[in-house]
Amino acid sequence: MPATDNQGSFLNRISIRRNQVVSMDVNHEQELEDLELFQKHVVDRFSDLVTTQPPPPTAADSSPDSALMPADTLLSIAWFRKLLDAFLCCEAEFKAVLIMGRDPTQFAKPPLDRLIPELLDRTVKALDVCNAITHGVELVCHWQKLAQIGVTALEQRPIGEGHVRRAKKSLNTLLTSMTFDDKENNSHGGKSTERSWSFGRRGGGASVNKDRTAGTFRSLSWTVAKSWSASKQIQAMSSNLVAPRGGEPTGLALPVYIMSTVLVFVMWALVAAIPCQERTGLATHFPVPRQLVWAQAMIGLQEKIGEEWKKKEKKGTCGLLEEIQRMEKVSQSLVDFADNFQFPAEAEKVEEVAAQVTELAEICQKMDELVPLQQQVREVFHRIVRSRAEVLDVLDQVGKMSTPVLY
């Protein structure tokens, strides 16, 4: 590098330091104000996510009037869209606090010289999770299509044996795919080449559908190593996530920790809700200190989601997304009806099934929001990439400033 460039950088550093000395008190007060405002906005956004309604009983369990699902139910598609909006807002504000008007030399001082590289590494892992979620959403969209086939068949009047057989076939394929265990998927690898959405092919029964499902997770997924684990990825993201101590909270260490915690929480929640490769023990991989005032809403959400995961993990789960859970329950009830169907069906039974079909149709309609959700996940992906590049630019400036002058 030419000596003149180094001298220019050196003079710039002198100028910056002089300005800092003159306005040190003002800058410190502004920094504290920005940090306090950032924490307040994090609290407000996650508190808003807590104020959601509990999931209602399904039509398979109760009357049709109670089957309506509130738009903001915890772990619903609408709730996750709010969560991703909150993340994007937090991320934009964090970047402003971290970079805008900031002396780049602070990035080379403790504790940022350690925290920033850790944050960058965490964001790379988050990109992998975003990819997994994007492809998991594609699988859920496929489930939606199978459910819609069942709805269309059972909406016919009068219900005939052909309609029931068609509905049973599509819903059995759906349930088999839903209950397919992640471990079994890993052990199968990619041996089965048939996809479960080859619904119209000859052959039936659970064993055939199960074989097809073995290829579904692979065929709808990006190419990853068989050992890749969503659970281990979350664990790696949170392994070095430690709250600042001593005087660090008054500086940039605290916003870096807050944003890292928000990032890990969002990825953790998405992995819990959307089908991903290998999620064993997911609920134990994300500790947040309880004494942190700004994290209380997040801790409450984590506990609710963690409890749901522990209950579902014992049985094997396709994901905690509210629409998936309701779709699975109603579909199972309709398959039970199909197993015992005799033509002509009793009027009372037809009325009961009609309520369940209406609910399944409603769930399919709500799943139309999967495409906007997938677009939001991609937006999160690209936002992380852009912000990471901006931080790397700052680190590059620091590297140039610290380059010794050549004589």
Protein backbone atom coordinates (compact mmCIF):
# COMPACT_ATOMS: atom_id res chain seq x y z
CA MET A 1 0.00 0.00 0.00
CA PRO A 2 1.44 3.51 -0.84
CA ALA A 3 2.75 5.51 2.10
CA THR A 4 0.47 8.45 1.26
CA ASP A 5 -2.59 6.26 1.81
CA ASN A 6 -1.34 5.25 5.22
CA GLN A 7 -0.56 8.84 6.14
CA GLY A 8 -4.06 9.88 5.08
CA SER A 9 -5.56 7.17 7.22
CA PHE A 10 -3.38 8.23 10.12
CA LEU A 11 -4.47 11.87 9.81
CA ASN A 12 -8.09 10.79 9.65
CA ARG A 13 -7.65 8.84 12.85
CA ILE A 14 -6.12 11.90 14.57
CA SER A 15 -9.05 14.04 13.42
CA ILE A 16 -11.60 11.50 14.65
CA ARG A 17 -9.90 11.21 18.04
CA ARG A 18 -9.80 14.99 18.48
CA ASN A 19 -13.50 15.21 17.71
CA GLN A 20 -14.17 12.42 20.19
CA VAL A 21 -12.29 14.25 22.97
CA VAL A 22 -14.28 17.45 22.39
CA SER A 23 -17.66 15.72 22.29
CA MET A 24 -16.97 12.74 24.56
CA ASP A 25 -19.64 13.54 27.11
CA VAL A 26 -22.27 14.31 24.47
CA ASN A 27 -21.50 11.12 22.56
CA HIS A 28 -21.61 9.03 25.73
CA GLU A 29 -25.01 10.40 26.68
CA GLN A 30 -26.30 9.82 23.14
CA GLU A 31 -24.95 6.27 23.19
CA LEU A 32 -26.75 5.52 26.45
CA GLU A 33 -29.95 7.04 25.10
CA ASP A 34 -29.74 4.98 21.87
CA LEU A 35 -29.06 1.81 23.86
CA GLU A 36 -31.99 2.44 26.19
CA LEU A 37 -34.29 3.12 23.24
CA PHE A 38 -33.12 -0.06 21.48
CA GLN A 39 -33.87 -2.14 24.58
CA LYS A 40 -37.30 -0.53 24.93
CA HIS A 41 -38.20 -1.33 21.34
CA VAL A 42 -37.09 -4.95 21.77
CA VAL A 43 -39.30 -5.22 24.86
CA ASP A 44 -42.27 -3.62 23.09
CA ARG A 45 -42.04 -5.85 20.02
CA PHE A 46 -41.75 -9.10 21.95
CA SER A 47 -44.40 -8.10 24.46
CA ASP A 48 -46.73 -7.66 21.52
CA LEU A 49 -45.92 -11.22 20.44
CA VAL A 50 -46.86 -12.53 23.89
CA THR A 51 -50.36 -11.02 23.76
CA THR A 52 -51.79 -13.74 21.54
CA GLN A 53 -54.79 -15.96 22.03
CA PRO A 54 -54.45 -19.65 22.94
CA PRO A 55 -55.21 -22.17 20.18
CA PRO A 56 -58.89 -23.21 20.12
CA PRO A 57 -60.13 -26.82 20.13
CA THR A 58 -60.57 -28.39 16.72
CA ALA A 59 -63.84 -29.42 15.14
CA ALA A 60 -62.74 -32.99 15.71
CA ASP A 61 -63.04 -32.32 19.44
CA SER A 62 -65.93 -29.87 19.74
CA SER A 63 -68.66 -27.94 18.01
CA PRO A 64 -68.08 -26.09 14.73
CA ASP A 65 -68.54 -22.71 16.41
CA SER A 66 -65.41 -23.21 18.51
CA ALA A 67 -63.27 -24.26 15.56
CA LEU A 68 -62.49 -20.73 14.35
CA MET A 69 -58.77 -19.99 14.75
CA PRO A 70 -57.72 -16.47 15.88
CA ALA A 71 -55.34 -14.82 13.43
CA ASP A 72 -52.73 -14.15 16.11
CA THR A 73 -52.63 -17.59 17.75
CA LEU A 74 -49.19 -18.42 19.16
CA LEU A 75 -47.09 -20.39 16.64
CA SER A 76 -49.54 -19.74 13.81
CA ILE A 77 -48.36 -18.53 10.40
CA ALA A 78 -49.68 -15.03 11.20
CA TRP A 79 -47.72 -15.06 14.49
CA PHE A 80 -44.50 -16.04 12.74
CA ARG A 81 -44.98 -13.25 10.23
CA LYS A 82 -45.20 -10.82 13.16
CA LEU A 83 -42.10 -12.42 14.67
CA LEU A 84 -40.10 -11.95 11.47
CA ASP A 85 -41.31 -8.35 11.17
CA ALA A 86 -40.12 -7.77 14.74
CA PHE A 87 -36.75 -9.31 13.91
CA LEU A 88 -36.28 -7.12 10.82
CA CYS A 89 -37.12 -3.98 12.84
CA CYS A 90 -34.75 -4.95 15.65
CA GLU A 91 -32.01 -5.77 13.16
CA ALA A 92 -32.30 -2.41 11.38
CA GLU A 93 -32.18 -0.50 14.67
CA PHE A 94 -29.27 -2.60 15.93
CA LYS A 95 -27.26 -1.84 12.82
CA ALA A 96 -27.88 1.87 13.35
CA VAL A 97 -26.68 1.63 16.97
CA LEU A 98 -23.64 -0.45 16.03
CA ILE A 99 -22.35 1.27 12.90
CA MET A 100 -23.85 4.70 12.16
CA GLY A 101 -21.65 7.52 13.45
CA ARG A 102 -19.41 5.00 15.15
CA ASP A 103 -15.61 5.24 15.40
CA PRO A 104 -14.45 2.06 13.59
CA THR A 105 -11.48 1.69 15.96
CA GLN A 106 -13.91 0.58 18.71
CA PHE A 107 -14.34 -2.69 16.82
CA ALA A 108 -10.69 -3.51 17.50
CA LYS A 109 -10.99 -2.99 21.26
CA PRO A 110 -12.21 -5.47 23.88
CA PRO A 111 -14.83 -6.82 24.15
CA LEU A 112 -15.93 -6.04 20.56
CA ASP A 113 -12.80 -7.57 19.09
CA ARG A 114 -14.21 -10.89 20.33
CA LEU A 115 -17.99 -10.27 20.17
CA ILE A 116 -18.14 -9.04 16.58
CA PRO A 117 -16.43 -12.12 15.05
CA GLU A 118 -18.71 -14.33 17.18
CA LEU A 119 -21.73 -12.44 15.89
CA LEU A 120 -20.57 -12.84 12.29
CA ASP A 121 -20.10 -16.57 12.80
CA ARG A 122 -23.57 -16.77 14.34
CA THR A 123 -25.10 -15.05 11.31
CA VAL A 124 -23.52 -17.59 8.95
CA LYS A 125 -25.18 -20.39 10.89
CA ALA A 126 -28.47 -18.46 10.80
CA LEU A 127 -28.25 -18.42 6.99
CA ASP A 128 -28.15 -22.23 6.99
CA VAL A 129 -31.23 -22.29 9.19
CA CYS A 130 -33.03 -19.87 6.85
CA ASN A 131 -32.32 -22.23 3.96
CA ALA A 132 -33.68 -25.17 5.95
CA ILE A 133 -36.84 -23.24 6.86
CA THR A 134 -37.40 -22.14 3.26
CA HIS A 135 -37.40 -25.73 2.07
CA GLY A 136 -39.42 -26.87 5.07
CA VAL A 137 -42.13 -24.42 4.05
CA GLU A 138 -42.17 -26.03 0.61
CA LEU A 139 -42.93 -29.37 2.26
CA VAL A 140 -45.78 -27.83 4.27
CA CYS A 141 -47.18 -26.34 1.05
CA HIS A 142 -47.21 -29.87 -0.34
CA TRP A 143 -49.17 -31.03 2.71
CA GLN A 144 -51.63 -28.24 2.05
CA LYS A 145 -52.23 -29.58 -1.47
CA LEU A 146 -52.86 -33.10 -0.16
CA ALA A 147 -55.31 -31.76 2.43
CA GLN A 148 -57.12 -29.74 -0.23
CA ILE A 149 -57.64 -32.92 -2.27
CA GLY A 150 -59.33 -34.47 0.76
CA VAL A 151 -61.47 -31.38 1.28
CA THR A 152 -62.62 -31.31 -2.33
CA ALA A 153 -63.50 -35.02 -2.28
CA LEU A 154 -65.49 -34.83 0.97
CA GLU A 155 -67.35 -31.68 -0.01
CA GLN A 156 -69.23 -33.63 -2.69
CA ARG A 157 -72.91 -34.34 -2.05
CA PRO A 158 -74.03 -36.99 -1.64
CA ILE A 159 -70.79 -38.50 -0.36
CA GLY A 160 -70.05 -41.68 -2.29
CA GLU A 161 -67.52 -44.44 -1.78
CA GLY A 162 -65.30 -43.06 -4.54
CA HIS A 163 -65.13 -39.66 -2.85
CA VAL A 164 -64.25 -41.26 0.47
CA ARG A 165 -61.54 -43.46 -1.07
CA ARG A 166 -59.92 -40.49 -2.77
CA ALA A 167 -60.00 -38.42 0.42
CA LYS A 168 -58.62 -41.32 2.46
CA LYS A 169 -55.76 -41.85 0.03
CA SER A 170 -54.66 -38.22 0.04
CA LEU A 171 -55.04 -37.79 3.80
CA ASN A 172 -53.18 -41.03 4.52
CA THR A 173 -50.32 -39.79 2.37
CA LEU A 174 -50.43 -36.52 4.26
CA LEU A 175 -50.38 -38.16 7.70
CA THR A 176 -47.61 -40.57 6.73
CA SER A 177 -45.44 -37.68 5.57
CA MET A 178 -46.23 -35.70 8.72
CA THR A 179 -45.30 -38.49 11.11
CA PHE A 180 -42.10 -39.38 9.33
CA ASP A 181 -39.34 -39.14 11.94
CA ASP A 182 -36.23 -37.03 11.33
CA LYS A 183 -33.91 -39.80 12.51
CA GLU A 184 -35.46 -42.25 10.11
CA ASN A 185 -35.03 -39.70 7.35
CA ASN A 186 -31.32 -39.51 8.12
CA SER A 187 -30.93 -43.28 8.16
CA HIS A 188 -32.70 -43.62 4.82
CA GLY A 189 -30.46 -41.00 3.27
CA GLY A 190 -31.61 -40.62 -0.30
CA LYS A 191 -32.19 -44.27 -1.13
CA SER A 192 -35.83 -43.86 -2.07
CA THR A 193 -36.28 -41.87 -5.24
CA GLU A 194 -40.07 -41.71 -5.32
CA ARG A 195 -41.69 -38.59 -3.91
CA SER A 196 -44.75 -38.65 -1.72
CA TRP A 197 -46.47 -36.20 -3.99
CA SER A 198 -46.60 -38.89 -6.69
CA PHE A 199 -50.09 -39.31 -5.28
CA GLY A 200 -51.67 -40.63 -8.43
CA ARG A 201 -49.30 -43.54 -8.99
CA ARG A 202 -50.35 -47.14 -8.57
CA GLY A 203 -49.95 -48.77 -5.22
CA GLY A 204 -51.22 -47.76 -1.84
CA GLY A 205 -51.00 -48.50 1.83
CA ALA A 206 -48.88 -47.10 4.59
CA SER A 207 -45.72 -48.96 3.63
CA VAL A 208 -45.67 -47.57 0.10
CA ASN A 209 -46.43 -44.06 1.30
CA LYS A 210 -43.73 -44.34 3.94
CA ASP A 211 -41.16 -45.32 1.35
CA ARG A 212 -42.18 -42.39 -0.79
CA THR A 213 -41.92 -40.08 2.18
CA ALA A 214 -38.32 -41.13 2.69
CA GLY A 215 -37.54 -39.33 -0.53
CA THR A 216 -39.76 -36.35 0.17
CA PHE A 217 -37.60 -34.72 2.80
CA ARG A 218 -34.60 -35.14 0.55
CA SER A 219 -36.30 -34.09 -2.66
CA LEU A 220 -37.73 -30.90 -1.14
CA SER A 221 -34.49 -30.10 0.65
CA TRP A 222 -31.26 -28.51 -0.42
CA THR A 223 -28.12 -30.63 -0.58
CA VAL A 224 -26.66 -30.99 2.90
CA ALA A 225 -24.55 -33.55 4.67
CA LYS A 226 -26.46 -36.40 6.29
CA SER A 227 -24.99 -35.29 9.61
CA TRP A 228 -26.40 -31.74 9.37
CA SER A 229 -28.69 -31.12 12.32
CA ALA A 230 -30.98 -28.14 12.87
CA SER A 231 -30.81 -28.80 16.60
CA LYS A 232 -27.00 -28.81 16.65
CA GLN A 233 -26.97 -25.67 14.53
CA ILE A 234 -29.05 -23.83 17.12
CA GLN A 235 -26.85 -25.20 19.87
CA ALA A 236 -23.74 -23.94 18.07
CA MET A 237 -25.31 -20.50 17.66
CA SER A 238 -26.02 -20.24 21.39
CA SER A 239 -22.92 -21.98 22.75
CA ASN A 240 -20.88 -18.78 23.24
CA LEU A 241 -23.84 -16.50 23.91
CA VAL A 242 -22.91 -14.96 27.28
CA ALA A 243 -24.43 -11.86 28.87
CA PRO A 244 -21.98 -8.93 29.32
CA ARG A 245 -20.49 -8.37 32.77
CA GLY A 246 -19.00 -5.50 34.72
CA GLY A 247 -18.81 -2.22 32.83
CA GLU A 248 -19.52 -3.78 29.44
CA PRO A 249 -23.31 -3.21 29.48
CA THR A 250 -22.75 0.56 29.18
CA GLY A 251 -21.01 0.07 25.84
CA LEU A 252 -21.72 -1.83 22.65
CA ALA A 253 -21.39 -5.27 24.21
CA LEU A 254 -25.00 -5.20 25.41
CA PRO A 255 -26.68 -4.39 22.06
CA VAL A 256 -24.53 -7.08 20.40
CA TYR A 257 -25.70 -9.57 23.02
CA ILE A 258 -29.34 -8.48 22.69
CA MET A 259 -29.32 -8.81 18.91
CA SER A 260 -27.56 -12.17 19.11
CA THR A 261 -30.21 -13.39 21.54
CA VAL A 262 -33.01 -12.16 19.28
CA LEU A 263 -31.38 -13.87 16.28
CA VAL A 264 -31.01 -17.21 18.09
CA PHE A 265 -34.55 -17.06 19.47
CA VAL A 266 -36.09 -16.41 16.04
CA MET A 267 -34.12 -19.24 14.41
CA TRP A 268 -34.94 -21.57 17.33
CA ALA A 269 -38.67 -20.83 17.09
CA LEU A 270 -38.69 -21.35 13.31
CA VAL A 271 -36.90 -24.70 13.63
CA ALA A 272 -39.40 -25.81 16.28
CA ALA A 273 -42.36 -24.94 14.06
CA ILE A 274 -41.28 -25.86 10.52
CA PRO A 275 -40.09 -29.33 9.39
CA CYS A 276 -36.28 -29.43 9.48
CA GLN A 277 -33.62 -32.11 9.42
CA GLU A 278 -32.91 -33.62 12.87
CA ARG A 279 -34.31 -31.61 15.79
CA THR A 280 -33.76 -33.97 18.73
CA GLY A 281 -33.44 -32.16 22.05
CA LEU A 282 -34.19 -28.78 20.52
CA ALA A 283 -35.93 -27.39 23.64
CA THR A 284 -32.76 -27.59 25.74
CA HIS A 285 -30.51 -25.58 23.44
CA PHE A 286 -31.43 -21.98 24.20
CA PRO A 287 -30.90 -20.64 27.75
CA VAL A 288 -31.59 -16.95 28.52
CA PRO A 289 -30.70 -15.46 31.95
CA ARG A 290 -33.89 -14.70 33.86
CA GLN A 291 -32.57 -11.54 35.50
CA LEU A 292 -32.50 -9.64 32.18
CA VAL A 293 -35.42 -7.20 32.25
CA TRP A 294 -35.50 -6.65 28.49
CA ALA A 295 -35.72 -10.43 27.86
CA GLN A 296 -38.74 -11.25 30.05
CA ALA A 297 -41.23 -11.42 27.16
CA MET A 298 -38.80 -13.54 25.14
CA ILE A 299 -38.25 -15.88 28.07
CA GLY A 300 -42.02 -16.29 28.46
CA LEU A 301 -42.37 -17.18 24.79
CA GLN A 302 -39.43 -19.57 25.01
CA GLU A 303 -41.00 -21.40 27.94
CA LYS A 304 -44.36 -21.79 26.18
CA ILE A 305 -42.77 -23.03 22.96
CA GLY A 306 -40.34 -25.27 24.86
CA GLU A 307 -43.16 -26.95 26.78
CA GLU A 308 -45.06 -27.59 23.57
CA TRP A 309 -41.95 -29.05 21.98
CA LYS A 310 -41.29 -31.40 24.89
CA LYS A 311 -44.85 -32.73 24.69
CA LYS A 312 -44.72 -33.24 20.94
CA GLU A 313 -41.16 -34.55 20.77
CA LYS A 314 -42.07 -37.60 22.85
CA LYS A 315 -44.54 -38.65 20.17
CA GLY A 316 -42.47 -37.48 17.22
CA THR A 317 -43.51 -34.23 15.63
CA CYS A 318 -43.66 -32.68 12.19
CA GLY A 319 -43.43 -29.19 13.70
CA LEU A 320 -45.26 -26.94 16.13
CA LEU A 321 -46.80 -24.64 13.53
CA GLU A 322 -50.40 -24.24 14.69
CA GLU A 323 -51.87 -24.94 11.25
CA ILE A 324 -49.85 -28.15 10.96
CA GLN A 325 -51.02 -29.39 14.36
CA ARG A 326 -54.67 -28.69 13.56
CA MET A 327 -54.38 -30.17 10.08
CA GLU A 328 -52.91 -33.39 11.49
CA LYS A 329 -55.67 -33.76 14.09
CA VAL A 330 -58.58 -33.09 11.72
CA SER A 331 -57.07 -35.25 8.97
CA GLN A 332 -56.74 -38.18 11.38
CA SER A 333 -60.40 -37.80 12.37
CA LEU A 334 -61.46 -37.80 8.71
CA VAL A 335 -59.36 -40.90 7.99
CA ASP A 336 -61.10 -42.64 10.91
CA PHE A 337 -64.42 -41.71 9.32
CA ALA A 338 -63.26 -43.07 5.96
CA ASP A 339 -62.14 -46.35 7.55
CA ASN A 340 -65.64 -46.96 8.92
CA PHE A 341 -67.61 -45.47 6.04
CA GLN A 342 -70.66 -47.31 4.77
CA PHE A 343 -72.87 -46.04 2.00
CA PRO A 344 -75.25 -44.37 2.53
CA ALA A 345 -73.80 -42.45 5.46
CA GLU A 346 -75.98 -41.47 8.40
CA ALA A 347 -77.20 -37.87 8.31
CA GLU A 348 -75.77 -37.13 11.75
CA LYS A 349 -72.35 -38.48 10.73
CA VAL A 350 -72.41 -36.49 7.49
CA GLU A 351 -73.11 -33.32 9.45
CA GLU A 352 -70.23 -34.03 11.84
CA VAL A 353 -67.84 -34.71 8.97
CA ALA A 354 -68.99 -31.55 7.20
CA ALA A 355 -67.87 -29.48 10.21
CA GLN A 356 -64.44 -31.12 10.12
CA VAL A 357 -64.14 -30.62 6.36
CA THR A 358 -65.03 -26.94 6.83
CA GLU A 359 -62.27 -26.59 9.41
CA LEU A 360 -59.74 -28.34 7.18
CA ALA A 361 -60.74 -26.02 4.33
CA GLU A 362 -60.22 -23.04 6.65
CA ILE A 363 -56.76 -24.32 7.60
CA CYS A 364 -55.84 -24.77 3.92
CA GLN A 365 -56.97 -21.20 3.28
CA LYS A 366 -54.81 -19.87 6.12
CA MET A 367 -51.89 -21.82 4.69
CA ASP A 368 -52.02 -19.57 1.63
CA GLU A 369 -49.95 -17.28 3.89
CA LEU A 370 -47.08 -19.76 3.66
CA VAL A 371 -45.80 -18.12 0.47
CA PRO A 372 -45.57 -14.63 2.07
CA LEU A 373 -43.94 -16.29 5.11
CA GLN A 374 -41.36 -17.93 2.87
CA GLN A 375 -40.69 -14.57 1.23
CA GLN A 376 -40.12 -13.04 4.67
CA VAL A 377 -37.62 -15.77 5.54
CA ARG A 378 -35.77 -14.96 2.33
CA GLU A 379 -35.87 -11.26 3.23
CA VAL A 380 -34.34 -12.13 6.61
CA PHE A 381 -31.66 -14.14 4.77
CA HIS A 382 -30.75 -11.24 2.49
CA ARG A 383 -30.88 -8.70 5.30
CA ILE A 384 -28.43 -10.78 7.33
CA VAL A 385 -26.12 -11.05 4.31
CA ARG A 386 -26.18 -7.28 3.72
CA SER A 387 -25.63 -6.38 7.36
CA ARG A 388 -22.82 -8.88 7.67
CA ALA A 389 -21.14 -7.29 4.62
CA GLU A 390 -21.44 -3.83 6.20
CA VAL A 391 -19.83 -5.01 9.43
CA LEU A 392 -17.04 -6.66 7.45
CA ASP A 393 -16.47 -3.33 5.67
CA VAL A 394 -16.00 -1.64 9.04
CA LEU A 395 -13.57 -4.35 10.12
CA ASP A 396 -11.70 -3.82 6.86
CA GLN A 397 -11.42 -0.10 7.68
CA VAL A 398 -10.04 -0.98 11.09
CA GLY A 399 -7.50 -3.28 9.47
CA LYS A 400 -6.31 -0.53 7.15
CA MET A 401 -6.03 1.94 10.05
CA SER A 402 -3.89 -0.49 12.01
CA THR A 403 -1.56 -1.20 9.09
CA PRO A 404 1.93 0.13 9.97
CA VAL A 405 3.25 3.03 7.93
CA LEU A 406 5.98 1.99 5.47
CA TYR A 407 9.01 4.28 5.30
